[in-house]
């Protein structure tokens, strides 16, 4: 969400967010986040946190800013790395790259899913970009490589996003139960499933 423009204010804002992420990593669940504990970790007063964020919900969304920024950056970088890839190769490369990103971002994806579930929707301020403009642009980039129409593509991209997020959060025991494999062998199996699911949903053009 929006950051203060003043340099000292921006430093305080970032310190609070970093402290909140540290506390979240410790307690595990966003509902267990203690504003007093965050204040102590950031070496500020609870009133300072209230001043910058207003509520715990606002602070949790601020913790997600870095994730959304990295996702936006990755989406932009994908365009430049797709030269020469066509049809299935294009779809598979994007699916594989995004799933690996989701695995790297497990902690914040878990937070995103928890806050979305608590609210019942993606934060309204994020919807125009991440359910609107970004998916529209992604569908357009897929258009020369797939056989489905743009609405189908947009829905498929959102569906794949949800699948990737949940699959990226598999625990070791879930991974073994689902695949009969452990460690990277299990993750390789899941990644191949995700890639093939993307192919089935987006129906790449061949040749």
Protein backbone atom coordinates (compact mmCIF):
# COMPACT_ATOMS: atom_id res chain seq x y z
CA UNK A 1 0.00 0.00 0.00
CA UNK A 2 1.09 3.68 -0.15
CA UNK A 3 4.30 4.61 1.69
CA UNK A 4 5.09 7.93 3.36
CA UNK A 5 7.22 10.20 1.15
CA UNK A 6 9.32 11.73 3.92
CA UNK A 7 12.69 9.94 4.23
CA UNK A 8 12.48 9.37 8.00
CA UNK A 9 8.85 8.32 7.70
CA UNK A 10 9.74 5.86 4.95
CA UNK A 11 12.50 4.41 7.14
CA UNK A 12 10.07 3.95 10.05
CA UNK A 13 7.46 2.43 7.73
CA UNK A 14 9.97 -0.08 6.33
CA UNK A 15 11.26 -0.93 9.82
CA UNK A 16 7.73 -1.75 10.98
CA UNK A 17 7.06 -3.92 7.93
CA UNK A 18 10.33 -5.82 8.38
CA UNK A 19 9.53 -6.36 12.06
CA UNK A 20 6.03 -7.58 11.20
CA UNK A 21 7.46 -10.08 8.70
CA UNK A 22 9.90 -11.34 11.34
CA UNK A 23 7.10 -11.76 13.87
CA UNK A 24 4.89 -13.49 11.28
CA UNK A 25 7.71 -15.91 10.51
CA UNK A 26 7.89 -16.67 14.23
CA UNK A 27 4.15 -17.07 15.00
CA UNK A 28 3.12 -18.62 11.69
CA UNK A 29 -0.44 -17.35 11.33
CA UNK A 30 -1.54 -13.74 10.67
CA UNK A 31 -4.26 -13.93 13.33
CA UNK A 32 -1.52 -14.54 15.90
CA UNK A 33 0.34 -11.38 14.93
CA UNK A 34 0.67 -9.14 17.98
CA UNK A 35 0.91 -5.43 17.28
CA UNK A 36 2.73 -4.96 20.58
CA UNK A 37 5.29 -7.57 19.60
CA UNK A 38 5.77 -5.86 16.24
CA UNK A 39 6.20 -2.52 18.01
CA UNK A 40 8.82 -4.01 20.30
CA UNK A 41 10.69 -5.61 17.40
CA UNK A 42 10.62 -2.36 15.41
CA UNK A 43 11.56 -0.33 18.51
CA UNK A 44 8.56 1.98 18.11
CA UNK A 45 5.42 2.55 20.16
CA UNK A 46 2.10 0.80 19.37
CA UNK A 47 0.77 4.29 18.66
CA UNK A 48 3.37 4.75 15.93
CA UNK A 49 2.17 1.58 14.21
CA UNK A 50 -1.41 2.82 14.50
CA UNK A 51 -0.35 6.12 12.93
CA UNK A 52 1.26 4.47 9.91
CA UNK A 53 -1.10 1.58 9.32
CA UNK A 54 -4.39 2.21 11.07
CA UNK A 55 -5.15 -1.47 11.64
CA UNK A 56 -3.54 -4.90 11.65
CA UNK A 57 -5.26 -5.58 8.33
CA UNK A 58 -3.46 -2.60 6.76
CA UNK A 59 -0.14 -3.76 8.21
CA UNK A 60 -0.62 -7.27 6.83
CA UNK A 61 -1.32 -5.84 3.37
CA UNK A 62 1.83 -3.72 3.61
CA UNK A 63 3.77 -6.92 4.35
CA UNK A 64 2.53 -8.23 0.99
CA UNK A 65 3.74 -5.22 -1.00
CA UNK A 66 7.16 -6.76 -1.66
CA UNK A 67 5.55 -9.94 -3.02
CA UNK A 68 3.32 -8.01 -5.42
CA UNK A 69 6.23 -5.83 -6.53
CA UNK A 70 8.35 -8.89 -7.31
CA UNK A 71 5.42 -10.50 -9.15
CA UNK A 72 4.97 -7.36 -11.26
CA UNK A 73 8.71 -7.26 -12.00
CA UNK A 74 8.72 -10.93 -13.01
CA UNK A 75 5.74 -10.39 -15.32
CA UNK A 76 7.65 -7.60 -17.06
CA UNK A 77 10.83 -9.66 -17.33
CA UNK A 78 9.01 -12.63 -18.86
CA UNK A 79 8.21 -10.61 -21.97
CA UNK A 80 11.88 -10.09 -22.71
CA UNK A 81 12.85 -13.72 -22.12
CA UNK A 82 10.24 -15.24 -24.43
CA UNK A 83 11.89 -14.42 -27.76
CA UNK A 84 11.81 -17.41 -30.09
CA UNK A 85 9.45 -19.48 -27.94
CA UNK A 86 6.18 -20.49 -29.59
CA UNK A 87 3.08 -22.50 -28.74
CA UNK A 88 3.64 -25.22 -26.14
CA UNK A 89 7.18 -24.07 -25.40
CA UNK A 90 5.89 -20.57 -24.59
CA UNK A 91 3.13 -21.85 -22.29
CA UNK A 92 5.38 -24.35 -20.54
CA UNK A 93 8.16 -21.82 -19.94
CA UNK A 94 5.79 -19.32 -18.35
CA UNK A 95 4.10 -21.96 -16.18
CA UNK A 96 7.42 -23.35 -14.98
CA UNK A 97 8.84 -19.89 -14.22
CA UNK A 98 5.77 -18.80 -12.28
CA UNK A 99 5.58 -22.01 -10.25
CA UNK A 100 9.22 -21.66 -9.24
CA UNK A 101 8.50 -18.07 -8.23
CA UNK A 102 5.58 -19.31 -6.11
CA UNK A 103 7.85 -21.80 -4.36
CA UNK A 104 10.34 -19.05 -3.53
CA UNK A 105 7.55 -16.87 -2.19
CA UNK A 106 5.88 -19.53 -0.03
CA UNK A 107 5.79 -17.47 3.15
CA UNK A 108 4.09 -14.47 1.56
CA UNK A 109 1.77 -16.60 -0.56
CA UNK A 110 0.61 -18.25 2.65
CA UNK A 111 -0.02 -14.80 4.09
CA UNK A 112 -1.82 -13.69 0.91
CA UNK A 113 -4.12 -16.71 0.99
CA UNK A 114 -4.86 -16.22 4.68
CA UNK A 115 -5.70 -12.52 4.33
CA UNK A 116 -7.82 -13.18 1.24
CA UNK A 117 -9.73 -15.90 3.09
CA UNK A 118 -10.28 -13.65 6.09
CA UNK A 119 -11.57 -10.80 3.90
CA UNK A 120 -13.38 -13.07 1.46
CA UNK A 121 -11.67 -11.48 -1.54
CA UNK A 122 -8.43 -10.02 -2.82
CA UNK A 123 -7.96 -6.57 -1.30
CA UNK A 124 -10.17 -4.20 -3.35
CA UNK A 125 -7.23 -1.83 -3.98
CA UNK A 126 -5.27 -4.68 -5.60
CA UNK A 127 -8.10 -6.07 -7.74
CA UNK A 128 -7.87 -3.61 -10.67
CA UNK A 129 -4.19 -4.46 -11.21
CA UNK A 130 -3.90 -8.12 -10.23
CA UNK A 131 -7.32 -9.39 -11.33
CA UNK A 132 -7.65 -6.83 -14.09
CA UNK A 133 -4.79 -5.19 -15.93
CA UNK A 134 -2.09 -7.78 -15.26
CA UNK A 135 -4.24 -10.75 -16.30
CA UNK A 136 -5.52 -8.89 -19.37
CA UNK A 137 -1.93 -8.19 -20.44
CA UNK A 138 -0.89 -11.78 -19.73
CA UNK A 139 -3.78 -13.09 -21.85
CA UNK A 140 -2.72 -10.78 -24.69
CA UNK A 141 0.86 -12.06 -24.51
CA UNK A 142 -0.44 -15.64 -24.72
CA UNK A 143 -2.80 -14.87 -27.63
CA UNK A 144 -0.40 -15.74 -30.51
CA UNK A 145 0.47 -19.04 -28.82
CA UNK A 146 -2.88 -20.49 -27.74
CA UNK A 147 -6.15 -21.52 -29.37
CA UNK A 148 -8.65 -20.34 -26.72
CA UNK A 149 -10.29 -16.89 -26.71
CA UNK A 150 -9.16 -14.06 -24.46
CA UNK A 151 -11.86 -14.50 -21.80
CA UNK A 152 -11.04 -18.20 -21.51
CA UNK A 153 -7.35 -17.29 -21.30
CA UNK A 154 -7.93 -14.78 -18.49
CA UNK A 155 -9.95 -17.30 -16.48
CA UNK A 156 -7.36 -20.01 -17.12
CA UNK A 157 -4.51 -17.74 -15.99
CA UNK A 158 -6.34 -16.92 -12.75
CA UNK A 159 -7.12 -20.61 -12.21
CA UNK A 160 -3.48 -21.53 -12.72
CA UNK A 161 -2.46 -18.83 -10.27
CA UNK A 162 -4.65 -20.44 -7.61
CA UNK A 163 -3.38 -23.94 -8.40
CA UNK A 164 0.25 -22.82 -8.25
CA UNK A 165 -0.26 -21.02 -4.95
CA UNK A 166 -1.78 -24.07 -3.25
CA UNK A 167 0.71 -26.51 -4.74
CA UNK A 168 3.61 -24.29 -3.68
CA UNK A 169 2.39 -24.54 -0.08
CA UNK A 170 2.40 -28.33 0.11
CA UNK A 171 4.01 -29.59 3.28
CA UNK A 172 6.49 -32.44 3.18
CA UNK A 173 3.82 -34.90 4.34
CA UNK A 174 1.29 -33.60 1.79
CA UNK A 175 3.89 -33.86 -0.95
CA UNK A 176 4.62 -37.48 -0.08
CA UNK A 177 0.94 -38.42 0.20
CA UNK A 178 0.15 -36.88 -3.20
CA UNK A 179 3.15 -38.06 -5.18
CA UNK A 180 4.64 -41.02 -3.26
CA UNK A 181 7.87 -39.05 -3.54
CA UNK A 182 9.85 -36.79 -1.23
CA UNK A 183 12.13 -33.79 -1.60
CA UNK A 184 13.04 -32.44 -5.01
CA UNK A 185 11.79 -35.58 -6.73
CA UNK A 186 8.33 -34.82 -5.36
CA UNK A 187 8.56 -31.15 -6.31
CA UNK A 188 9.66 -32.06 -9.84
CA UNK A 189 6.54 -34.22 -10.14
CA UNK A 190 4.31 -31.39 -8.98
CA UNK A 191 6.01 -28.92 -11.32
CA UNK A 192 5.41 -31.20 -14.30
CA UNK A 193 1.76 -31.52 -13.31
CA UNK A 194 1.44 -27.73 -13.14
CA UNK A 195 3.02 -27.35 -16.58
CA UNK A 196 0.72 -29.95 -18.11
CA UNK A 197 -2.31 -28.38 -16.42
CA UNK A 198 -1.39 -25.04 -17.99
CA UNK A 199 -1.17 -26.70 -21.40
CA UNK A 200 -4.60 -28.29 -20.99
CA UNK A 201 -6.21 -25.04 -19.85
CA UNK A 202 -4.61 -22.78 -22.44
CA UNK A 203 -4.56 -25.19 -25.40
CA UNK A 204 -1.34 -24.02 -27.09
CA UNK A 205 -1.19 -23.75 -30.84
CA UNK A 206 1.16 -26.31 -32.36
CA UNK A 207 3.42 -25.62 -35.29
